[in-house]
All heavy atoms as atom14 arrays in JSON, in Angstrom:
{
  "sequence": "EDLKKMQEETGCDGYLIGRAARGNPWIFEQLLSWDKTGQMPPKPSGK",
  "atom14_mask": [
    [1, 1, 1, 1, 1, 1, 1, 1, 1, 0, 0, 0, 0, 0],
    [1, 1, 1, 1, 1, 1, 1, 1, 0, 0, 0, 0, 0, 0],
    [1, 1, 1, 1, 1, 1, 1, 1, 0, 0, 0, 0, 0, 0],
    [1, 1, 1, 1, 1, 1, 1, 1, 1, 0, 0, 0, 0, 0],
    [1, 1, 1, 1, 1, 1, 1, 1, 1, 0, 0, 0, 0, 0],
    [1, 1, 1, 1, 1, 1, 1, 1, 0, 0, 0, 0, 0, 0],
    [1, 1, 1, 1, 1, 1, 1, 1, 1, 0, 0, 0, 0, 0],
    [1, 1, 1, 1, 1, 1, 1, 1, 1, 0, 0, 0, 0, 0],
    [1, 1, 1, 1, 1, 1, 1, 1, 1, 0, 0, 0, 0, 0],
    [1, 1, 1, 1, 1, 1, 1, 0, 0, 0, 0, 0, 0, 0],
    [1, 1, 1, 1, 0, 0, 0, 0, 0, 0, 0, 0, 0, 0],
    [1, 1, 1, 1, 1, 1, 0, 0, 0, 0, 0, 0, 0, 0],
    [1, 1, 1, 1, 1, 1, 1, 1, 0, 0, 0, 0, 0, 0],
    [1, 1, 1, 1, 0, 0, 0, 0, 0, 0, 0, 0, 0, 0],
    [1, 1, 1, 1, 1, 1, 1, 1, 1, 1, 1, 1, 0, 0],
    [1, 1, 1, 1, 1, 1, 1, 1, 0, 0, 0, 0, 0, 0],
    [1, 1, 1, 1, 1, 1, 1, 1, 0, 0, 0, 0, 0, 0],
    [1, 1, 1, 1, 0, 0, 0, 0, 0, 0, 0, 0, 0, 0],
    [1, 1, 1, 1, 1, 1, 1, 1, 1, 1, 1, 0, 0, 0],
    [1, 1, 1, 1, 1, 0, 0, 0, 0, 0, 0, 0, 0, 0],
    [1, 1, 1, 1, 1, 0, 0, 0, 0, 0, 0, 0, 0, 0],
    [1, 1, 1, 1, 1, 1, 1, 1, 1, 1, 1, 0, 0, 0],
    [1, 1, 1, 1, 0, 0, 0, 0, 0, 0, 0, 0, 0, 0],
    [1, 1, 1, 1, 1, 1, 1, 1, 0, 0, 0, 0, 0, 0],
    [1, 1, 1, 1, 1, 1, 1, 0, 0, 0, 0, 0, 0, 0],
    [1, 1, 1, 1, 1, 1, 1, 1, 1, 1, 1, 1, 1, 1],
    [1, 1, 1, 1, 1, 1, 1, 1, 0, 0, 0, 0, 0, 0],
    [1, 1, 1, 1, 1, 1, 1, 1, 1, 1, 1, 0, 0, 0],
    [1, 1, 1, 1, 1, 1, 1, 1, 1, 0, 0, 0, 0, 0],
    [1, 1, 1, 1, 1, 1, 1, 1, 1, 0, 0, 0, 0, 0],
    [1, 1, 1, 1, 1, 1, 1, 1, 0, 0, 0, 0, 0, 0],
    [1, 1, 1, 1, 1, 1, 1, 1, 0, 0, 0, 0, 0, 0],
    [1, 1, 1, 1, 1, 1, 0, 0, 0, 0, 0, 0, 0, 0],
    [1, 1, 1, 1, 1, 1, 1, 1, 1, 1, 1, 1, 1, 1],
    [1, 1, 1, 1, 1, 1, 1, 1, 0, 0, 0, 0, 0, 0],
    [1, 1, 1, 1, 1, 1, 1, 1, 1, 0, 0, 0, 0, 0],
    [1, 1, 1, 1, 1, 1, 1, 0, 0, 0, 0, 0, 0, 0],
    [1, 1, 1, 1, 0, 0, 0, 0, 0, 0, 0, 0, 0, 0],
    [1, 1, 1, 1, 1, 1, 1, 1, 1, 0, 0, 0, 0, 0],
    [1, 1, 1, 1, 1, 1, 1, 1, 0, 0, 0, 0, 0, 0],
    [1, 1, 1, 1, 1, 1, 1, 0, 0, 0, 0, 0, 0, 0],
    [1, 1, 1, 1, 1, 1, 1, 0, 0, 0, 0, 0, 0, 0],
    [1, 1, 1, 1, 1, 1, 1, 1, 1, 0, 0, 0, 0, 0],
    [1, 1, 1, 1, 1, 1, 1, 0, 0, 0, 0, 0, 0, 0],
    [1, 1, 1, 1, 1, 1, 0, 0, 0, 0, 0, 0, 0, 0],
    [1, 1, 1, 1, 0, 0, 0, 0, 0, 0, 0, 0, 0, 0],
    [1, 1, 1, 1, 1, 1, 1, 1, 1, 0, 0, 0, 0, 0]
  ],
  "atom14_positions": [
    [[1.37, -3.84, 0.77], [0.88, -4.66, 1.86], [1.85, -4.67, 3.04], [1.43, -4.73, 4.2], [0.61, -6.09, 1.38], [-0.61, -6.21, 0.47], [-1.9, -5.73, 1.15], [-2.11, -6.06, 2.33], [-2.69, -5.04, 0.48], [0.0, 0.0, 0.0], [0.0, 0.0, 0.0], [0.0, 0.0, 0.0], [0.0, 0.0, 0.0], [0.0, 0.0, 0.0]],
    [[3.15, -4.6, 2.75], [4.15, -4.51, 3.82], [3.94, -3.22, 4.61], [4.0, -3.23, 5.85], [5.57, -4.52, 3.25], [5.94, -5.84, 2.61], [5.35, -6.86, 2.97], [6.84, -5.82, 1.73], [0.0, 0.0, 0.0], [0.0, 0.0, 0.0], [0.0, 0.0, 0.0], [0.0, 0.0, 0.0], [0.0, 0.0, 0.0], [0.0, 0.0, 0.0]],
    [[3.72, -2.11, 3.9], [3.5, -0.83, 4.58], [2.25, -0.91, 5.45], [2.25, -0.48, 6.61], [3.33, 0.3, 3.55], [4.56, 1.13, 3.21], [5.67, 0.25, 2.63], [4.21, 2.24, 2.23], [0.0, 0.0, 0.0], [0.0, 0.0, 0.0], [0.0, 0.0, 0.0], [0.0, 0.0, 0.0], [0.0, 0.0, 0.0], [0.0, 0.0, 0.0]],
    [[1.2, -1.46, 4.9], [-0.06, -1.58, 5.64], [0.12, -2.42, 6.9], [-0.34, -2.05, 7.99], [-1.13, -2.19, 4.74], [-2.5, -2.33, 5.4], [-3.5, -2.96, 4.43], [-4.86, -3.13, 5.09], [-5.83, -3.79, 4.17], [0.0, 0.0, 0.0], [0.0, 0.0, 0.0], [0.0, 0.0, 0.0], [0.0, 0.0, 0.0], [0.0, 0.0, 0.0]],
    [[0.84, -3.54, 6.75], [1.06, -4.43, 7.88], [1.91, -3.73, 8.95], [1.61, -3.81, 10.15], [1.73, -5.71, 7.41], [1.9, -6.76, 8.51], [2.54, -8.02, 7.95], [2.73, -9.05, 9.08], [3.45, -10.26, 8.62], [0.0, 0.0, 0.0], [0.0, 0.0, 0.0], [0.0, 0.0, 0.0], [0.0, 0.0, 0.0], [0.0, 0.0, 0.0]],
    [[2.97, -3.03, 8.5], [3.81, -2.33, 9.47], [3.01, -1.25, 10.2], [3.14, -1.1, 11.42], [5.03, -1.69, 8.8], [5.91, -0.9, 9.78], [7.37, -0.13, 9.07], [8.54, -1.49, 9.12], [0.0, 0.0, 0.0], [0.0, 0.0, 0.0], [0.0, 0.0, 0.0], [0.0, 0.0, 0.0], [0.0, 0.0, 0.0], [0.0, 0.0, 0.0]],
    [[2.18, -0.53, 9.47], [1.38, 0.53, 10.09], [0.43, -0.06, 11.12], [0.29, 0.44, 12.24], [0.62, 1.32, 9.03], [0.41, 2.79, 9.35], [-0.6, 2.99, 10.46], [-1.62, 2.33, 10.51], [-0.32, 3.92, 11.35], [0.0, 0.0, 0.0], [0.0, 0.0, 0.0], [0.0, 0.0, 0.0], [0.0, 0.0, 0.0], [0.0, 0.0, 0.0]],
    [[-0.21, -1.17, 10.77], [-1.15, -1.82, 11.68], [-0.45, -2.38, 12.91], [-0.98, -2.31, 14.02], [-1.89, -2.94, 10.95], [-2.86, -2.45, 9.89], [-3.46, -3.58, 9.06], [-2.93, -4.72, 9.13], [-4.43, -3.32, 8.33], [0.0, 0.0, 0.0], [0.0, 0.0, 0.0], [0.0, 0.0, 0.0], [0.0, 0.0, 0.0], [0.0, 0.0, 0.0]],
    [[0.75, -2.92, 12.73], [1.45, -3.57, 13.83], [2.21, -2.59, 14.72], [2.45, -2.89, 15.9], [2.43, -4.62, 13.29], [1.74, -5.81, 12.66], [2.71, -6.9, 12.25], [3.91, -6.8, 12.58], [2.26, -7.87, 11.6], [0.0, 0.0, 0.0], [0.0, 0.0, 0.0], [0.0, 0.0, 0.0], [0.0, 0.0, 0.0], [0.0, 0.0, 0.0]],
    [[2.6, -1.44, 14.16], [3.47, -0.54, 14.9], [2.88, 0.84, 15.16], [3.31, 1.53, 16.08], [4.81, -0.34, 14.16], [4.58, 0.47, 12.99], [5.42, -1.66, 13.75], [0.0, 0.0, 0.0], [0.0, 0.0, 0.0], [0.0, 0.0, 0.0], [0.0, 0.0, 0.0], [0.0, 0.0, 0.0], [0.0, 0.0, 0.0], [0.0, 0.0, 0.0]],
    [[1.95, 1.28, 14.31], [1.44, 2.65, 14.42], [2.42, 3.69, 13.94], [2.26, 4.89, 14.2], [0.0, 0.0, 0.0], [0.0, 0.0, 0.0], [0.0, 0.0, 0.0], [0.0, 0.0, 0.0], [0.0, 0.0, 0.0], [0.0, 0.0, 0.0], [0.0, 0.0, 0.0], [0.0, 0.0, 0.0], [0.0, 0.0, 0.0], [0.0, 0.0, 0.0]],
    [[3.48, 3.28, 13.23], [4.53, 4.21, 12.82], [3.98, 5.3, 11.91], [2.93, 5.15, 11.27], [5.68, 3.47, 12.14], [5.26, 2.72, 10.57], [0.0, 0.0, 0.0], [0.0, 0.0, 0.0], [0.0, 0.0, 0.0], [0.0, 0.0, 0.0], [0.0, 0.0, 0.0], [0.0, 0.0, 0.0], [0.0, 0.0, 0.0], [0.0, 0.0, 0.0]],
    [[4.7, 6.4, 11.85], [4.26, 7.58, 11.11], [4.75, 7.6, 9.67], [4.2, 8.32, 8.83], [4.74, 8.85, 11.82], [4.22, 8.91, 13.25], [3.04, 9.21, 13.42], [5.01, 8.64, 14.18], [0.0, 0.0, 0.0], [0.0, 0.0, 0.0], [0.0, 0.0, 0.0], [0.0, 0.0, 0.0], [0.0, 0.0, 0.0], [0.0, 0.0, 0.0]],
    [[5.81, 6.86, 9.38], [6.37, 6.86, 8.04], [7.28, 5.67, 7.84], [7.48, 4.86, 8.76], [0.0, 0.0, 0.0], [0.0, 0.0, 0.0], [0.0, 0.0, 0.0], [0.0, 0.0, 0.0], [0.0, 0.0, 0.0], [0.0, 0.0, 0.0], [0.0, 0.0, 0.0], [0.0, 0.0, 0.0], [0.0, 0.0, 0.0], [0.0, 0.0, 0.0]],
    [[7.84, 5.57, 6.64], [8.55, 4.36, 6.23], [9.85, 4.72, 5.53], [9.86, 5.56, 4.61], [7.68, 3.53, 5.28], [6.25, 3.47, 5.71], [5.33, 4.44, 5.27], [5.79, 2.51, 6.61], [4.01, 4.42, 5.68], [4.47, 2.49, 7.04], [3.58, 3.45, 6.58], [2.28, 3.45, 7.0], [0.0, 0.0, 0.0], [0.0, 0.0, 0.0]],
    [[10.94, 4.06, 5.93], [12.21, 4.19, 5.22], [12.35, 3.03, 4.26], [12.31, 1.87, 4.67], [13.38, 4.2, 6.21], [13.95, 5.58, 6.57], [12.91, 6.4, 7.33], [15.23, 5.45, 7.38], [0.0, 0.0, 0.0], [0.0, 0.0, 0.0], [0.0, 0.0, 0.0], [0.0, 0.0, 0.0], [0.0, 0.0, 0.0], [0.0, 0.0, 0.0]],
    [[12.51, 3.35, 2.99], [12.7, 2.34, 1.95], [14.18, 2.32, 1.6], [14.72, 3.3, 1.1], [11.88, 2.66, 0.69], [10.42, 3.0, 1.06], [11.96, 1.51, -0.3], [9.64, 1.88, 1.66], [0.0, 0.0, 0.0], [0.0, 0.0, 0.0], [0.0, 0.0, 0.0], [0.0, 0.0, 0.0], [0.0, 0.0, 0.0], [0.0, 0.0, 0.0]],
    [[14.84, 1.21, 1.89], [16.28, 1.11, 1.66], [16.62, 0.16, 0.53], [16.56, 0.52, -0.64], [0.0, 0.0, 0.0], [0.0, 0.0, 0.0], [0.0, 0.0, 0.0], [0.0, 0.0, 0.0], [0.0, 0.0, 0.0], [0.0, 0.0, 0.0], [0.0, 0.0, 0.0], [0.0, 0.0, 0.0], [0.0, 0.0, 0.0], [0.0, 0.0, 0.0]],
    [[16.97, -1.08, 0.88], [17.45, -2.01, -0.14], [16.42, -2.27, -1.24], [16.79, -2.55, -2.38], [17.87, -3.33, 0.53], [19.17, -3.2, 1.33], [19.5, -4.48, 2.07], [18.49, -4.79, 3.07], [18.26, -5.99, 3.58], [18.97, -7.03, 3.14], [17.34, -6.18, 4.5], [0.0, 0.0, 0.0], [0.0, 0.0, 0.0], [0.0, 0.0, 0.0]],
    [[15.14, -2.15, -0.93], [14.1, -2.38, -1.95], [14.11, -1.32, -3.04], [13.51, -1.52, -4.1], [12.73, -2.43, -1.29], [0.0, 0.0, 0.0], [0.0, 0.0, 0.0], [0.0, 0.0, 0.0], [0.0, 0.0, 0.0], [0.0, 0.0, 0.0], [0.0, 0.0, 0.0], [0.0, 0.0, 0.0], [0.0, 0.0, 0.0], [0.0, 0.0, 0.0]],
    [[14.79, -0.21, -2.8], [14.87, 0.85, -3.81], [16.08, 0.69, -4.72], [16.16, 1.35, -5.76], [14.93, 2.23, -3.13], [0.0, 0.0, 0.0], [0.0, 0.0, 0.0], [0.0, 0.0, 0.0], [0.0, 0.0, 0.0], [0.0, 0.0, 0.0], [0.0, 0.0, 0.0], [0.0, 0.0, 0.0], [0.0, 0.0, 0.0], [0.0, 0.0, 0.0]],
    [[17.03, -0.16, -4.35], [18.22, -0.34, -5.19], [17.82, -0.93, -6.53], [17.19, -1.98, -6.6], [19.25, -1.25, -4.5], [19.8, -0.69, -3.22], [20.92, -1.54, -2.64], [20.54, -2.95, -2.52], [21.28, -3.87, -1.91], [22.45, -3.53, -1.37], [20.88, -5.12, -1.84], [0.0, 0.0, 0.0], [0.0, 0.0, 0.0], [0.0, 0.0, 0.0]],
    [[18.17, -0.24, -7.61], [17.76, -0.69, -8.93], [16.26, -0.57, -9.15], [15.72, -1.1, -10.12], [0.0, 0.0, 0.0], [0.0, 0.0, 0.0], [0.0, 0.0, 0.0], [0.0, 0.0, 0.0], [0.0, 0.0, 0.0], [0.0, 0.0, 0.0], [0.0, 0.0, 0.0], [0.0, 0.0, 0.0], [0.0, 0.0, 0.0], [0.0, 0.0, 0.0]],
    [[15.58, 0.15, -8.28], [14.11, 0.21, -8.36], [13.58, 1.55, -7.83], [12.81, 1.59, -6.87], [13.5, -0.94, -7.56], [11.99, -1.04, -7.73], [11.45, -0.56, -8.71], [11.33, -1.64, -6.76], [0.0, 0.0, 0.0], [0.0, 0.0, 0.0], [0.0, 0.0, 0.0], [0.0, 0.0, 0.0], [0.0, 0.0, 0.0], [0.0, 0.0, 0.0]],
    [[14.0, 2.67, -8.43], [13.44, 3.95, -8.0], [11.93, 4.04, -8.23], [11.26, 4.88, -7.63], [14.19, 4.99, -8.85], [14.73, 4.23, -10.01], [14.99, 2.84, -9.52], [0.0, 0.0, 0.0], [0.0, 0.0, 0.0], [0.0, 0.0, 0.0], [0.0, 0.0, 0.0], [0.0, 0.0, 0.0], [0.0, 0.0, 0.0], [0.0, 0.0, 0.0]],
    [[11.4, 3.13, -9.05], [9.96, 3.09, -9.3], [9.17, 2.73, -8.03], [7.96, 2.91, -8.0], [9.63, 2.03, -10.35], [10.2, 2.26, -11.7], [9.68, 3.02, -12.71], [11.38, 1.66, -12.23], [10.49, 2.95, -13.81], [11.54, 2.13, -13.56], [12.34, 0.79, -11.7], [12.61, 1.74, -14.37], [13.4, 0.41, -12.5], [13.53, 0.88, -13.82]],
    [[9.83, 2.2, -7.02], [9.07, 1.7, -5.87], [8.2, 2.77, -5.23], [7.1, 2.49, -4.76], [10.0, 1.05, -4.82], [9.16, 0.28, -3.78], [10.93, 2.08, -4.16], [9.97, -0.63, -2.87], [0.0, 0.0, 0.0], [0.0, 0.0, 0.0], [0.0, 0.0, 0.0], [0.0, 0.0, 0.0], [0.0, 0.0, 0.0], [0.0, 0.0, 0.0]],
    [[8.67, 4.02, -5.24], [7.87, 5.09, -4.63], [6.61, 5.34, -5.45], [5.51, 5.48, -4.9], [8.73, 6.35, -4.49], [9.95, 6.12, -3.65], [11.19, 5.89, -4.22], [9.85, 6.09, -2.26], [12.3, 5.64, -3.44], [10.96, 5.84, -1.47], [12.18, 5.61, -2.06], [0.0, 0.0, 0.0], [0.0, 0.0, 0.0], [0.0, 0.0, 0.0]],
    [[6.76, 5.37, -6.75], [5.63, 5.53, -7.66], [4.65, 4.36, -7.5], [3.43, 4.54, -7.47], [6.18, 5.57, -9.09], [5.22, 5.89, -10.19], [5.97, 6.0, -11.51], [6.42, 4.96, -12.04], [6.12, 7.13, -12.0], [0.0, 0.0, 0.0], [0.0, 0.0, 0.0], [0.0, 0.0, 0.0], [0.0, 0.0, 0.0], [0.0, 0.0, 0.0]],
    [[5.2, 3.16, -7.36], [4.36, 1.97, -7.21], [3.57, 2.0, -5.91], [2.38, 1.66, -5.87], [5.24, 0.72, -7.28], [5.85, 0.47, -8.64], [6.96, -0.57, -8.61], [7.45, -0.95, -7.54], [7.38, -1.04, -9.77], [0.0, 0.0, 0.0], [0.0, 0.0, 0.0], [0.0, 0.0, 0.0], [0.0, 0.0, 0.0], [0.0, 0.0, 0.0]],
    [[4.24, 2.4, -4.82], [3.56, 2.45, -3.52], [2.48, 3.52, -3.5], [1.41, 3.33, -2.91], [4.58, 2.68, -2.41], [5.54, 1.51, -2.15], [6.65, 1.93, -1.2], [4.79, 0.3, -1.58], [0.0, 0.0, 0.0], [0.0, 0.0, 0.0], [0.0, 0.0, 0.0], [0.0, 0.0, 0.0], [0.0, 0.0, 0.0], [0.0, 0.0, 0.0]],
    [[2.74, 4.65, -4.14], [1.72, 5.7, -4.22], [0.54, 5.23, -5.03], [-0.62, 5.53, -4.7], [2.33, 6.98, -4.81], [3.33, 7.7, -3.91], [4.1, 8.76, -4.7], [2.62, 8.36, -2.73], [0.0, 0.0, 0.0], [0.0, 0.0, 0.0], [0.0, 0.0, 0.0], [0.0, 0.0, 0.0], [0.0, 0.0, 0.0], [0.0, 0.0, 0.0]],
    [[0.79, 4.48, -6.1], [-0.29, 3.93, -6.91], [-1.09, 2.91, -6.1], [-2.33, 2.9, -6.13], [0.28, 3.28, -8.17], [-0.75, 2.67, -8.93], [0.0, 0.0, 0.0], [0.0, 0.0, 0.0], [0.0, 0.0, 0.0], [0.0, 0.0, 0.0], [0.0, 0.0, 0.0], [0.0, 0.0, 0.0], [0.0, 0.0, 0.0], [0.0, 0.0, 0.0]],
    [[-0.37, 2.06, -5.36], [-1.06, 1.08, -4.5], [-1.97, 1.77, -3.5], [-3.1, 1.32, -3.23], [-0.02, 0.24, -3.76], [-0.62, -0.57, -2.64], [-1.21, -1.79, -2.73], [-0.74, -0.17, -1.27], [-1.68, -2.19, -1.5], [-1.41, -1.2, -0.59], [-0.34, 0.96, -0.57], [-1.69, -1.13, 0.77], [-0.61, 1.03, 0.78], [-1.28, -0.01, 1.45]],
    [[-1.51, 2.89, -2.94], [-2.3, 3.61, -1.95], [-3.62, 4.09, -2.54], [-4.62, 4.18, -1.82], [-1.48, 4.8, -1.43], [-2.08, 5.39, -0.16], [-2.37, 4.61, 0.77], [-2.25, 6.62, -0.1], [0.0, 0.0, 0.0], [0.0, 0.0, 0.0], [0.0, 0.0, 0.0], [0.0, 0.0, 0.0], [0.0, 0.0, 0.0], [0.0, 0.0, 0.0]],
    [[-3.62, 4.39, -3.83], [-4.84, 4.88, -4.48], [-5.74, 3.76, -4.98], [-6.96, 3.87, -4.96], [-4.47, 5.79, -5.66], [-3.81, 7.1, -5.26], [-3.45, 7.92, -6.49], [-2.77, 9.23, -6.11], [-2.36, 10.01, -7.31], [0.0, 0.0, 0.0], [0.0, 0.0, 0.0], [0.0, 0.0, 0.0], [0.0, 0.0, 0.0], [0.0, 0.0, 0.0]],
    [[-5.12, 2.67, -5.45], [-5.89, 1.63, -6.13], [-6.01, 0.31, -5.38], [-6.87, -0.51, -5.69], [-5.25, 1.31, -7.5], [-3.96, 0.69, -7.28], [-5.06, 2.59, -8.32], [0.0, 0.0, 0.0], [0.0, 0.0, 0.0], [0.0, 0.0, 0.0], [0.0, 0.0, 0.0], [0.0, 0.0, 0.0], [0.0, 0.0, 0.0], [0.0, 0.0, 0.0]],
    [[-5.11, 0.11, -4.39], [-5.09, -1.16, -3.68], [-4.32, -2.25, -4.4], [-4.26, -3.39, -3.94], [0.0, 0.0, 0.0], [0.0, 0.0, 0.0], [0.0, 0.0, 0.0], [0.0, 0.0, 0.0], [0.0, 0.0, 0.0], [0.0, 0.0, 0.0], [0.0, 0.0, 0.0], [0.0, 0.0, 0.0], [0.0, 0.0, 0.0], [0.0, 0.0, 0.0]],
    [[-3.72, -1.9, -5.55], [-2.95, -2.87, -6.32], [-1.56, -2.34, -6.59], [-1.4, -1.19, -6.98], [-3.64, -3.15, -7.67], [-5.04, -3.75, -7.54], [-5.01, -5.19, -7.04], [-4.08, -5.94, -7.36], [-6.02, -5.58, -6.28], [0.0, 0.0, 0.0], [0.0, 0.0, 0.0], [0.0, 0.0, 0.0], [0.0, 0.0, 0.0], [0.0, 0.0, 0.0]],
    [[-0.54, -3.19, -6.39], [0.82, -2.82, -6.79], [0.91, -2.92, -8.31], [0.55, -3.96, -8.89], [1.85, -3.72, -6.14], [2.12, -3.44, -4.68], [3.0, -1.89, -4.35], [4.69, -2.31, -4.82], [0.0, 0.0, 0.0], [0.0, 0.0, 0.0], [0.0, 0.0, 0.0], [0.0, 0.0, 0.0], [0.0, 0.0, 0.0], [0.0, 0.0, 0.0]],
    [[1.39, -1.89, -8.99], [1.54, -1.96, -10.44], [2.54, -3.05, -10.82], [3.36, -3.46, -10.01], [2.09, -0.57, -10.82], [1.81, 0.3, -9.65], [1.82, -0.59, -8.45], [0.0, 0.0, 0.0], [0.0, 0.0, 0.0], [0.0, 0.0, 0.0], [0.0, 0.0, 0.0], [0.0, 0.0, 0.0], [0.0, 0.0, 0.0], [0.0, 0.0, 0.0]],
    [[2.48, -3.52, -12.07], [3.46, -4.51, -12.51], [4.86, -3.9, -12.5], [5.03, -2.68, -12.57], [3.03, -4.85, -13.95], [2.2, -3.68, -14.38], [1.53, -3.17, -13.15], [0.0, 0.0, 0.0], [0.0, 0.0, 0.0], [0.0, 0.0, 0.0], [0.0, 0.0, 0.0], [0.0, 0.0, 0.0], [0.0, 0.0, 0.0], [0.0, 0.0, 0.0]],
    [[5.85, -4.76, -12.41], [7.24, -4.3, -12.46], [7.5, -3.67, -13.83], [6.82, -3.96, -14.8], [8.2, -5.47, -12.24], [8.09, -6.11, -10.87], [8.58, -5.19, -9.78], [8.6, -5.9, -8.44], [9.07, -5.03, -7.36], [0.0, 0.0, 0.0], [0.0, 0.0, 0.0], [0.0, 0.0, 0.0], [0.0, 0.0, 0.0], [0.0, 0.0, 0.0]],
    [[8.5, -2.79, -13.91], [8.79, -2.14, -15.19], [9.16, -3.14, -16.28], [9.71, -4.21, -16.02], [10.0, -1.25, -14.85], [9.96, -1.08, -13.38], [9.37, -2.33, -12.83], [0.0, 0.0, 0.0], [0.0, 0.0, 0.0], [0.0, 0.0, 0.0], [0.0, 0.0, 0.0], [0.0, 0.0, 0.0], [0.0, 0.0, 0.0], [0.0, 0.0, 0.0]],
    [[8.85, -2.77, -17.52], [9.22, -3.61, -18.66], [10.73, -3.52, -18.89], [11.42, -2.63, -18.36], [8.49, -3.14, -19.91], [8.96, -1.84, -20.29], [0.0, 0.0, 0.0], [0.0, 0.0, 0.0], [0.0, 0.0, 0.0], [0.0, 0.0, 0.0], [0.0, 0.0, 0.0], [0.0, 0.0, 0.0], [0.0, 0.0, 0.0], [0.0, 0.0, 0.0]],
    [[11.23, -4.41, -19.72], [12.65, -4.36, -20.06], [13.04, -3.03, -20.66], [14.11, -2.48, -20.35], [0.0, 0.0, 0.0], [0.0, 0.0, 0.0], [0.0, 0.0, 0.0], [0.0, 0.0, 0.0], [0.0, 0.0, 0.0], [0.0, 0.0, 0.0], [0.0, 0.0, 0.0], [0.0, 0.0, 0.0], [0.0, 0.0, 0.0], [0.0, 0.0, 0.0]],
    [[12.19, -2.47, -21.53], [12.49, -1.17, -22.14], [12.55, -0.07, -21.09], [13.43, 0.8, -21.13], [11.46, -0.81, -23.2], [11.75, 0.52, -23.88], [10.69, 0.88, -24.91], [11.08, 2.16, -25.65], [11.35, 3.3, -24.75], [0.0, 0.0, 0.0], [0.0, 0.0, 0.0], [0.0, 0.0, 0.0], [0.0, 0.0, 0.0], [0.0, 0.0, 0.0]]
  ]
}
C-alpha cells in the first residue's frame, strides 16, 4: 500500500527499499506477492 500510495502521489518509476529490508530480505518477495494478489503475505514464521 505504501508503494501504491507513493506511485499515485508522485508518479515515480521505481522504489528504493532501505531500512525496511534490514532483517527482512523477504520484503521483495512479499511486495511481488502483494502486486499479484492485493494482499501482503504474513510475516515469516520463527522457523
